[in-house]
Amino acid sequence: MQRSPWLAIAVLMLVACSGEPPSWQKLLASKITEQYPNYQAQPAPNGGLLVQRPGLAPIPVDVNAIAQFCQRGPKDCDYATDQMLLELRGR
């Protein structure tokens, strides 16, 4: 998959638009809708996301698990988000 500086751009956009610090939930939701414009990523009560996909069953995303990878560094973050996106597409 093509890499983009999505994390930095998303952080700047969220802070500029909302005036509040971004959450991992918001950052991952924006990454999902950027990659799959027809999907809807909705916040779940447990801090995760529930992704609604047209014609497919909704799928939960464990935001905390991905955030842990992202805190390790950019390579781990890219790997975790790529795997998330592949899983959303594949099921």
N, C-alpha and C. Protein backbone atom coordinates (compact mmCIF):
# COMPACT_ATOMS: atom_id res chain seq x y z
N MET A 1 0.83 -1.18 0.00
CA MET A 1 0.00 0.00 0.00
C MET A 1 0.88 1.24 0.00
N GLN A 2 0.37 2.28 -0.61
CA GLN A 2 1.12 3.52 -0.68
C GLN A 2 1.09 4.22 0.67
N ARG A 3 2.22 4.68 1.10
CA ARG A 3 2.33 5.37 2.38
C ARG A 3 2.05 6.86 2.17
N SER A 4 1.40 7.44 3.14
CA SER A 4 1.19 8.88 3.11
C SER A 4 1.39 9.41 4.51
N PRO A 5 1.70 10.68 4.63
CA PRO A 5 1.88 11.24 5.96
C PRO A 5 0.53 11.53 6.62
N TRP A 6 -0.36 10.52 6.58
CA TRP A 6 -1.74 10.70 7.04
C TRP A 6 -1.83 11.06 8.50
N LEU A 7 -0.98 10.50 9.32
CA LEU A 7 -1.07 10.73 10.76
C LEU A 7 -0.84 12.20 11.08
N ALA A 8 0.22 12.76 10.54
CA ALA A 8 0.52 14.17 10.82
C ALA A 8 -0.56 15.08 10.26
N ILE A 9 -1.02 14.78 9.06
CA ILE A 9 -2.07 15.60 8.44
C ILE A 9 -3.37 15.50 9.23
N ALA A 10 -3.73 14.29 9.62
CA ALA A 10 -4.96 14.10 10.38
C ALA A 10 -4.90 14.82 11.71
N VAL A 11 -3.76 14.75 12.38
CA VAL A 11 -3.60 15.44 13.67
C VAL A 11 -3.79 16.93 13.49
N LEU A 12 -3.11 17.49 12.51
CA LEU A 12 -3.22 18.93 12.29
C LEU A 12 -4.64 19.35 11.94
N MET A 13 -5.30 18.57 11.10
CA MET A 13 -6.67 18.91 10.72
C MET A 13 -7.63 18.82 11.89
N LEU A 14 -7.50 17.78 12.69
CA LEU A 14 -8.40 17.63 13.82
C LEU A 14 -8.21 18.72 14.86
N VAL A 15 -6.97 19.07 15.13
CA VAL A 15 -6.71 20.13 16.10
C VAL A 15 -7.20 21.46 15.56
N ALA A 16 -6.95 21.72 14.29
CA ALA A 16 -7.37 22.99 13.70
C ALA A 16 -8.88 23.12 13.65
N CYS A 17 -9.56 22.04 13.34
CA CYS A 17 -11.02 22.10 13.19
C CYS A 17 -11.76 22.08 14.52
N SER A 18 -11.27 21.30 15.46
CA SER A 18 -12.04 21.12 16.68
C SER A 18 -11.47 21.86 17.87
N GLY A 19 -10.22 22.24 17.81
CA GLY A 19 -9.61 22.92 18.93
C GLY A 19 -9.28 21.99 20.09
N GLU A 20 -9.52 20.70 19.92
CA GLU A 20 -9.21 19.73 20.97
C GLU A 20 -8.18 18.74 20.45
N PRO A 21 -7.42 18.13 21.34
CA PRO A 21 -6.44 17.15 20.86
C PRO A 21 -7.13 15.95 20.23
N PRO A 22 -6.53 15.39 19.20
CA PRO A 22 -7.16 14.25 18.53
C PRO A 22 -7.08 12.99 19.39
N SER A 23 -8.01 12.11 19.15
CA SER A 23 -7.98 10.81 19.81
C SER A 23 -7.58 9.77 18.78
N TRP A 24 -7.10 8.63 19.27
CA TRP A 24 -6.77 7.54 18.35
C TRP A 24 -8.03 7.11 17.60
N GLN A 25 -9.15 7.16 18.28
CA GLN A 25 -10.42 6.77 17.66
C GLN A 25 -10.70 7.66 16.44
N LYS A 26 -10.54 8.96 16.59
CA LYS A 26 -10.79 9.89 15.48
C LYS A 26 -9.76 9.72 14.37
N LEU A 27 -8.50 9.53 14.76
CA LEU A 27 -7.45 9.36 13.75
C LEU A 27 -7.67 8.11 12.90
N LEU A 28 -8.00 7.00 13.56
CA LEU A 28 -8.23 5.76 12.81
C LEU A 28 -9.51 5.82 11.98
N ALA A 29 -10.54 6.48 12.51
CA ALA A 29 -11.78 6.65 11.74
C ALA A 29 -11.50 7.43 10.46
N SER A 30 -10.66 8.47 10.56
CA SER A 30 -10.35 9.25 9.36
C SER A 30 -9.52 8.43 8.37
N LYS A 31 -8.64 7.58 8.88
CA LYS A 31 -7.84 6.72 8.00
C LYS A 31 -8.74 5.72 7.26
N ILE A 32 -9.71 5.16 7.97
CA ILE A 32 -10.63 4.19 7.36
C ILE A 32 -11.47 4.86 6.28
N THR A 33 -12.03 6.01 6.57
CA THR A 33 -12.89 6.67 5.57
C THR A 33 -12.08 7.26 4.42
N GLU A 34 -10.80 7.55 4.66
CA GLU A 34 -9.93 7.99 3.57
C GLU A 34 -9.69 6.84 2.60
N GLN A 35 -9.44 5.65 3.14
CA GLN A 35 -9.16 4.48 2.31
C GLN A 35 -10.44 3.90 1.68
N TYR A 36 -11.51 3.92 2.45
CA TYR A 36 -12.79 3.33 2.01
C TYR A 36 -13.90 4.37 2.20
N PRO A 37 -14.09 5.26 1.24
CA PRO A 37 -15.06 6.36 1.40
C PRO A 37 -16.51 5.89 1.65
N ASN A 38 -16.86 4.69 1.25
CA ASN A 38 -18.23 4.21 1.46
C ASN A 38 -18.44 3.61 2.84
N TYR A 39 -17.38 3.43 3.60
CA TYR A 39 -17.48 2.87 4.95
C TYR A 39 -17.78 3.99 5.95
N GLN A 40 -18.46 3.62 7.02
CA GLN A 40 -18.70 4.56 8.11
C GLN A 40 -18.09 4.00 9.38
N ALA A 41 -17.18 4.74 9.98
CA ALA A 41 -16.53 4.33 11.23
C ALA A 41 -17.20 5.08 12.38
N GLN A 42 -17.89 4.33 13.22
CA GLN A 42 -18.63 4.94 14.32
C GLN A 42 -17.97 4.60 15.65
N PRO A 43 -17.90 5.58 16.56
CA PRO A 43 -17.31 5.30 17.88
C PRO A 43 -18.12 4.24 18.62
N ALA A 44 -17.42 3.34 19.26
CA ALA A 44 -18.05 2.31 20.09
C ALA A 44 -17.88 2.70 21.56
N PRO A 45 -18.80 2.26 22.41
CA PRO A 45 -18.72 2.63 23.83
C PRO A 45 -17.42 2.19 24.52
N ASN A 46 -16.78 1.14 24.02
CA ASN A 46 -15.55 0.64 24.64
C ASN A 46 -14.30 1.38 24.19
N GLY A 47 -14.46 2.45 23.41
CA GLY A 47 -13.32 3.21 22.91
C GLY A 47 -12.84 2.75 21.55
N GLY A 48 -13.42 1.69 21.04
CA GLY A 48 -13.06 1.19 19.71
C GLY A 48 -13.91 1.86 18.63
N LEU A 49 -13.96 1.21 17.51
CA LEU A 49 -14.78 1.67 16.39
C LEU A 49 -15.63 0.50 15.89
N LEU A 50 -16.79 0.82 15.38
CA LEU A 50 -17.60 -0.16 14.67
C LEU A 50 -17.71 0.35 13.24
N VAL A 51 -17.19 -0.42 12.31
CA VAL A 51 -17.14 0.01 10.91
C VAL A 51 -18.29 -0.63 10.15
N GLN A 52 -19.16 0.23 9.63
CA GLN A 52 -20.29 -0.19 8.79
C GLN A 52 -19.81 -0.21 7.35
N ARG A 53 -20.02 -1.37 6.69
CA ARG A 53 -19.57 -1.55 5.31
C ARG A 53 -20.75 -1.94 4.44
N PRO A 54 -20.98 -1.23 3.35
CA PRO A 54 -22.12 -1.53 2.49
C PRO A 54 -22.10 -2.98 2.00
N GLY A 55 -23.19 -3.70 2.24
CA GLY A 55 -23.32 -5.07 1.77
C GLY A 55 -22.55 -6.10 2.58
N LEU A 56 -21.87 -5.68 3.61
CA LEU A 56 -21.08 -6.58 4.45
C LEU A 56 -21.45 -6.37 5.91
N ALA A 57 -21.14 -7.35 6.73
CA ALA A 57 -21.41 -7.23 8.16
C ALA A 57 -20.51 -6.16 8.78
N PRO A 58 -21.01 -5.43 9.77
CA PRO A 58 -20.16 -4.46 10.47
C PRO A 58 -19.01 -5.20 11.17
N ILE A 59 -17.91 -4.52 11.35
CA ILE A 59 -16.75 -5.14 11.98
C ILE A 59 -16.18 -4.18 13.02
N PRO A 60 -15.87 -4.71 14.21
CA PRO A 60 -15.27 -3.85 15.24
C PRO A 60 -13.77 -3.69 15.01
N VAL A 61 -13.25 -2.55 15.41
CA VAL A 61 -11.82 -2.27 15.33
C VAL A 61 -11.34 -1.97 16.75
N ASP A 62 -10.29 -2.67 17.18
CA ASP A 62 -9.71 -2.46 18.50
C ASP A 62 -8.72 -1.30 18.42
N VAL A 63 -9.20 -0.12 18.71
CA VAL A 63 -8.39 1.09 18.60
C VAL A 63 -7.20 1.04 19.55
N ASN A 64 -7.40 0.55 20.76
CA ASN A 64 -6.31 0.53 21.74
C ASN A 64 -5.15 -0.35 21.28
N ALA A 65 -5.44 -1.48 20.67
CA ALA A 65 -4.37 -2.36 20.18
C ALA A 65 -3.56 -1.68 19.08
N ILE A 66 -4.23 -1.00 18.18
CA ILE A 66 -3.53 -0.30 17.10
C ILE A 66 -2.73 0.88 17.65
N ALA A 67 -3.30 1.59 18.62
CA ALA A 67 -2.61 2.73 19.24
C ALA A 67 -1.30 2.27 19.90
N GLN A 68 -1.31 1.09 20.51
CA GLN A 68 -0.09 0.57 21.13
C GLN A 68 1.01 0.35 20.10
N PHE A 69 0.64 -0.17 18.93
CA PHE A 69 1.62 -0.32 17.85
C PHE A 69 2.13 1.04 17.39
N CYS A 70 1.22 1.99 17.27
CA CYS A 70 1.60 3.32 16.77
C CYS A 70 2.54 4.04 17.74
N GLN A 71 2.40 3.77 19.01
CA GLN A 71 3.28 4.41 19.99
C GLN A 71 4.69 3.84 19.95
N ARG A 72 4.88 2.70 19.31
CA ARG A 72 6.22 2.11 19.17
C ARG A 72 7.04 2.82 18.10
N GLY A 73 6.35 3.39 17.11
CA GLY A 73 7.07 4.09 16.04
C GLY A 73 6.34 3.98 14.72
N PRO A 74 6.80 4.71 13.71
CA PRO A 74 6.10 4.78 12.43
C PRO A 74 6.00 3.46 11.68
N LYS A 75 7.04 2.63 11.73
CA LYS A 75 6.98 1.35 11.01
C LYS A 75 5.93 0.44 11.61
N ASP A 76 5.90 0.36 12.95
CA ASP A 76 4.89 -0.47 13.60
C ASP A 76 3.49 0.09 13.37
N CYS A 77 3.38 1.41 13.36
CA CYS A 77 2.08 2.05 13.13
C CYS A 77 1.58 1.76 11.72
N ASP A 78 2.48 1.90 10.75
CA ASP A 78 2.10 1.59 9.36
C ASP A 78 1.66 0.14 9.22
N TYR A 79 2.40 -0.76 9.87
CA TYR A 79 2.04 -2.18 9.81
C TYR A 79 0.65 -2.41 10.40
N ALA A 80 0.40 -1.86 11.58
CA ALA A 80 -0.89 -2.07 12.26
C ALA A 80 -2.05 -1.49 11.47
N THR A 81 -1.87 -0.29 10.92
CA THR A 81 -2.97 0.31 10.15
C THR A 81 -3.18 -0.42 8.83
N ASP A 82 -2.09 -0.86 8.20
CA ASP A 82 -2.24 -1.65 6.96
C ASP A 82 -3.01 -2.94 7.23
N GLN A 83 -2.68 -3.62 8.33
CA GLN A 83 -3.39 -4.86 8.67
C GLN A 83 -4.86 -4.59 8.96
N MET A 84 -5.15 -3.49 9.65
CA MET A 84 -6.53 -3.12 9.93
C MET A 84 -7.30 -2.92 8.62
N LEU A 85 -6.70 -2.18 7.70
CA LEU A 85 -7.37 -1.89 6.43
C LEU A 85 -7.58 -3.16 5.61
N LEU A 86 -6.60 -4.05 5.62
CA LEU A 86 -6.76 -5.32 4.90
C LEU A 86 -7.87 -6.16 5.51
N GLU A 87 -7.96 -6.18 6.82
CA GLU A 87 -8.99 -6.94 7.49
C GLU A 87 -10.38 -6.37 7.19
N LEU A 88 -10.48 -5.06 7.14
CA LEU A 88 -11.77 -4.43 6.83
C LEU A 88 -12.22 -4.76 5.41
N ARG A 89 -11.27 -4.85 4.51
CA ARG A 89 -11.60 -5.15 3.12
C ARG A 89 -11.91 -6.61 2.91
N GLY A 90 -11.19 -7.49 3.64
CA GLY A 90 -11.23 -8.92 3.37
C GLY A 90 -12.38 -9.70 3.94
N ARG A 91 -13.00 -9.25 4.98
CA ARG A 91 -14.07 -10.04 5.60
C ARG A 91 -15.40 -9.81 4.98
